[in-house]
Each structure stands twice: as C-alpha cells, then as structure tokens.
Amino acid sequence: MIEWDVPSDGRPPKSERATFAATCLASGVPPYSVVTQLQRCCNVSQRSAWRDLAEARKLLRLWNSGTVDELRDESAAFYRSILTSSEASIGQKIKARAQLDKLLGLQIPAQNAKLFVEKQQQEQNAGKTKKRHLFRAVLEKLSREELQRFADLQAKMRAAYKAAEAEEELQQDALIA
C-alpha cells in the first residue's frame, strides 16, 4: 500500500503524485492505468491526473538524464540494433521496423491511409466508367453487320473459354486419379 504525506485537503502534493506516476511508468504500467490509479488513490480529477502524468514523463527524462532528442536517438539506435541482429526473429524485426518508423514520423496515419485507399478506388472506378462509355460510343457507331460479327466473336470467345475450363478440369481429374 502507498504511504502518502497527505495535507489537510486530502490530496498528496503534486510532486509526490508525479513521482508515483513516474515510478509506475518506469515499471511498465500503461499510462491510462496510472491516471486511473491517481484518481482513485489521490482523490484528483482526471484532468489533474493527466497533468501529473505529464510531470511524471518529465521526471523520467530527468532520471534518464537526457533531452528528448537524445532519448529519441537512443531509441532509434536500439531499434536499429534489433534490425541488424542475427538473433532477432522476423516478427521482432517487423515490430522494431514499425516502432522505428513511428519514432521517426514515417508511419502513415490510419486516417490518411484510409483516404489514400478511397482515392485510389475512386480513380479505378472512374477509369472503368470511362472505358464503358467509350465502348458504348464505339458500339453505337457500328453497322448491323459489324454488331453481328462482334456478337458472333463474343460467342466464340465464351465457347473457347468454357472449353478451356473443361479441359483444365479433366487434366486436374487425371492428376488426382
């Protein structure tokens, strides 16, 4: 159980809350859990708990005695060492690459990725629509004889396709037997 030096208002001082939060973060407790714990134990609002967490992160940087850039460089070096390690598994290397990309700001945000995919689909659909309109325009200019030849050609192509499928099925059946 945590021992707090609690003043008359029922809350531990901010410095003690920040130290507690920094200790939790350093031991691997997720930030949201730390905030929840601060709210319960210290009788503070969620907003105050998040502020305490921000102070805790500053404390962690001081404890690690480095600036944000130095810590970022240290993390990048760590992830690069995993990527070059012969002992790391493929899964570990993939995770390290993802973390390194995130750290360096190379990761595509999910919302931008979704917009990118939607835009590509719209462009593909627009291309298909153009082809359909062009095909219809060409068909409208053809004479009856040319249309009949086109229909005959389509029928022959369908028949050839079905024959090829049937032959492929026979070959597969022969391989199975």
Protein backbone atom coordinates (compact mmCIF):
# COMPACT_ATOMS: atom_id res chain seq x y z
CA MET A 1 0.00 0.00 0.00
CA ILE A 2 1.16 3.51 -0.80
CA GLU A 3 2.04 5.81 2.11
CA TRP A 4 1.22 9.43 1.35
CA ASP A 5 2.10 12.51 3.34
CA VAL A 6 -1.44 13.88 2.96
CA PRO A 7 -2.18 17.54 3.76
CA SER A 8 -5.50 18.79 5.14
CA ASP A 9 -7.27 18.87 1.73
CA GLY A 10 -6.93 15.07 1.41
CA ARG A 11 -4.58 15.05 -1.58
CA PRO A 12 -0.88 14.25 -1.67
CA PRO A 13 1.33 17.04 -3.05
CA LYS A 14 1.76 17.21 -6.80
CA SER A 15 5.45 16.31 -6.58
CA GLU A 16 4.65 13.05 -4.76
CA ARG A 17 1.90 12.18 -7.25
CA ALA A 18 4.27 12.83 -10.16
CA THR A 19 6.98 10.69 -8.55
CA PHE A 20 4.49 7.88 -8.02
CA ALA A 21 3.32 8.14 -11.65
CA ALA A 22 6.92 8.17 -12.94
CA THR A 23 7.71 5.06 -10.90
CA CYS A 24 4.66 3.32 -12.34
CA LEU A 25 5.57 4.30 -15.91
CA ALA A 26 9.17 3.16 -15.40
CA SER A 27 7.93 -0.25 -14.25
CA GLY A 28 5.79 -0.65 -17.39
CA VAL A 29 2.32 0.30 -16.17
CA PRO A 30 0.23 1.73 -19.05
CA PRO A 31 -0.43 5.49 -18.85
CA TYR A 32 -4.22 5.16 -18.64
CA SER A 33 -3.87 2.76 -15.69
CA VAL A 34 -1.59 5.25 -13.95
CA VAL A 35 -4.17 8.01 -14.45
CA THR A 36 -6.93 5.78 -13.06
CA GLN A 37 -4.77 4.87 -10.06
CA LEU A 38 -4.01 8.55 -9.38
CA GLN A 39 -7.71 9.37 -9.48
CA ARG A 40 -8.58 6.62 -7.02
CA CYS A 41 -5.68 6.92 -4.59
CA CYS A 42 -5.14 10.66 -4.60
CA ASN A 43 -8.69 11.94 -5.00
CA VAL A 44 -7.86 14.10 -8.04
CA SER A 45 -9.78 14.79 -11.22
CA GLN A 46 -8.92 13.06 -14.46
CA ARG A 47 -7.51 16.30 -15.83
CA SER A 48 -5.20 16.69 -12.81
CA ALA A 49 -4.14 13.06 -13.12
CA TRP A 50 -3.15 13.61 -16.77
CA ARG A 51 -1.19 16.71 -15.73
CA ASP A 52 0.57 14.64 -13.09
CA LEU A 53 1.36 12.07 -15.78
CA ALA A 54 2.91 14.81 -17.95
CA GLU A 55 5.08 15.82 -15.00
CA ALA A 56 5.97 12.16 -14.49
CA ARG A 57 7.20 11.94 -18.07
CA LYS A 58 9.41 14.99 -17.46
CA LEU A 59 10.77 13.28 -14.35
CA LEU A 60 11.52 10.14 -16.33
CA ARG A 61 13.52 12.20 -18.82
CA LEU A 62 15.47 13.74 -15.94
CA TRP A 63 16.05 10.34 -14.38
CA ASN A 64 17.34 9.10 -17.72
CA SER A 65 19.41 12.30 -17.88
CA GLY A 66 18.77 13.19 -21.47
CA THR A 67 16.92 15.58 -23.66
CA VAL A 68 14.02 14.42 -25.79
CA ASP A 69 16.28 14.30 -28.87
CA GLU A 70 18.92 12.25 -27.05
CA LEU A 71 16.30 9.77 -25.85
CA ARG A 72 14.81 9.56 -29.35
CA ASP A 73 18.27 8.85 -30.80
CA GLU A 74 18.85 6.19 -28.14
CA SER A 75 15.55 4.51 -29.00
CA ALA A 76 16.32 4.65 -32.72
CA ALA A 77 19.71 3.04 -32.10
CA PHE A 78 18.02 0.29 -30.08
CA TYR A 79 15.51 -0.47 -32.86
CA ARG A 80 18.28 -0.40 -35.48
CA SER A 81 20.26 -2.91 -33.40
CA ILE A 82 17.28 -5.27 -33.47
CA LEU A 83 17.01 -4.88 -37.25
CA THR A 84 20.68 -5.81 -37.74
CA SER A 85 20.76 -8.58 -35.13
CA SER A 86 21.09 -12.12 -36.47
CA GLU A 87 19.46 -13.48 -33.31
CA ALA A 88 16.23 -11.46 -33.65
CA SER A 89 13.23 -13.25 -35.14
CA ILE A 90 11.42 -11.93 -38.20
CA GLY A 91 8.47 -10.89 -36.02
CA GLN A 92 10.79 -8.92 -33.72
CA LYS A 93 12.37 -7.24 -36.71
CA ILE A 94 8.98 -6.29 -38.15
CA LYS A 95 7.90 -4.80 -34.81
CA ALA A 96 11.21 -2.94 -34.49
CA ARG A 97 10.79 -1.53 -38.02
CA ALA A 98 7.25 -0.38 -37.20
CA GLN A 99 8.40 1.28 -33.97
CA LEU A 100 11.34 2.93 -35.72
CA ASP A 101 9.04 4.26 -38.45
CA LYS A 102 6.68 5.58 -35.79
CA LEU A 103 9.55 7.16 -33.87
CA LEU A 104 10.88 8.88 -36.99
CA GLY A 105 7.43 10.01 -38.14
CA LEU A 106 7.44 7.79 -41.23
CA GLN A 107 4.27 5.96 -40.31
CA ILE A 108 1.19 6.82 -42.39
CA PRO A 109 -1.60 7.83 -40.02
CA ALA A 110 -4.59 5.49 -40.27
CA GLN A 111 -6.93 8.26 -41.40
CA ASN A 112 -4.58 9.32 -44.22
CA ALA A 113 -4.11 5.70 -45.28
CA LYS A 114 -7.87 5.23 -45.45
CA LEU A 115 -8.28 8.39 -47.54
CA PHE A 116 -5.46 7.24 -49.84
CA VAL A 117 -7.14 3.86 -50.42
CA GLU A 118 -10.54 5.51 -51.02
CA LYS A 119 -8.99 7.90 -53.55
CA GLN A 120 -7.35 5.00 -55.42
CA GLN A 121 -10.67 3.15 -55.55
CA GLN A 122 -12.43 6.25 -56.89
CA GLU A 123 -9.78 6.63 -59.61
CA GLN A 124 -10.13 2.97 -60.59
CA ASN A 125 -13.92 3.27 -60.74
CA ALA A 126 -13.63 6.44 -62.82
CA GLY A 127 -11.32 4.60 -65.26
CA LYS A 128 -13.81 1.73 -65.58
CA THR A 129 -16.65 4.18 -66.21
CA LYS A 130 -14.66 5.94 -68.96
CA LYS A 131 -13.95 2.59 -70.64
CA ARG A 132 -17.65 1.66 -70.54
CA HIS A 133 -18.69 4.98 -72.08
CA LEU A 134 -16.04 4.67 -74.78
CA PHE A 135 -17.13 1.08 -75.52
CA ARG A 136 -20.78 2.17 -75.81
CA ALA A 137 -19.84 5.03 -78.11
CA VAL A 138 -17.92 2.66 -80.39
CA LEU A 139 -20.83 0.18 -80.44
CA GLU A 140 -23.28 2.93 -81.40
CA LYS A 141 -21.18 3.76 -84.49
CA LEU A 142 -21.08 0.17 -85.75
CA SER A 143 -23.39 -1.06 -88.52
CA ARG A 144 -25.74 -4.02 -88.01
CA GLU A 145 -23.32 -6.34 -89.81
CA GLU A 146 -20.41 -5.25 -87.64
CA LEU A 147 -22.52 -5.68 -84.50
CA GLN A 148 -23.50 -9.18 -85.63
CA ARG A 149 -19.83 -10.07 -86.25
CA PHE A 150 -18.97 -8.68 -82.80
CA ALA A 151 -21.72 -10.78 -81.16
CA ASP A 152 -20.51 -13.88 -83.03
CA LEU A 153 -16.95 -13.22 -81.92
CA GLN A 154 -18.09 -12.84 -78.29
CA ALA A 155 -19.97 -16.16 -78.53
CA LYS A 156 -16.88 -17.92 -79.94
CA MET A 157 -14.71 -16.46 -77.17
CA ARG A 158 -17.14 -17.64 -74.49
CA ALA A 159 -17.25 -21.13 -76.03
CA ALA A 160 -13.44 -21.28 -76.20
CA TYR A 161 -13.19 -20.14 -72.58
CA LYS A 162 -15.65 -22.82 -71.43
CA ALA A 163 -13.80 -25.48 -73.43
CA ALA A 164 -10.50 -24.43 -71.84
CA GLU A 165 -12.07 -24.63 -68.36
CA ALA A 166 -13.47 -28.10 -69.11
CA GLU A 167 -10.08 -29.29 -70.40
CA GLU A 168 -8.37 -27.95 -67.29
CA GLU A 169 -10.85 -29.80 -65.06
CA LEU A 170 -10.17 -33.03 -66.98
CA GLN A 171 -6.44 -32.59 -66.52
CA GLN A 172 -6.88 -31.99 -62.80
CA ASP A 173 -9.11 -35.07 -62.51
CA ALA A 174 -6.47 -37.10 -64.36
CA LEU A 175 -3.78 -35.90 -61.93
CA ILE A 176 -5.93 -36.80 -58.92
CA ALA A 177 -6.73 -40.31 -60.25
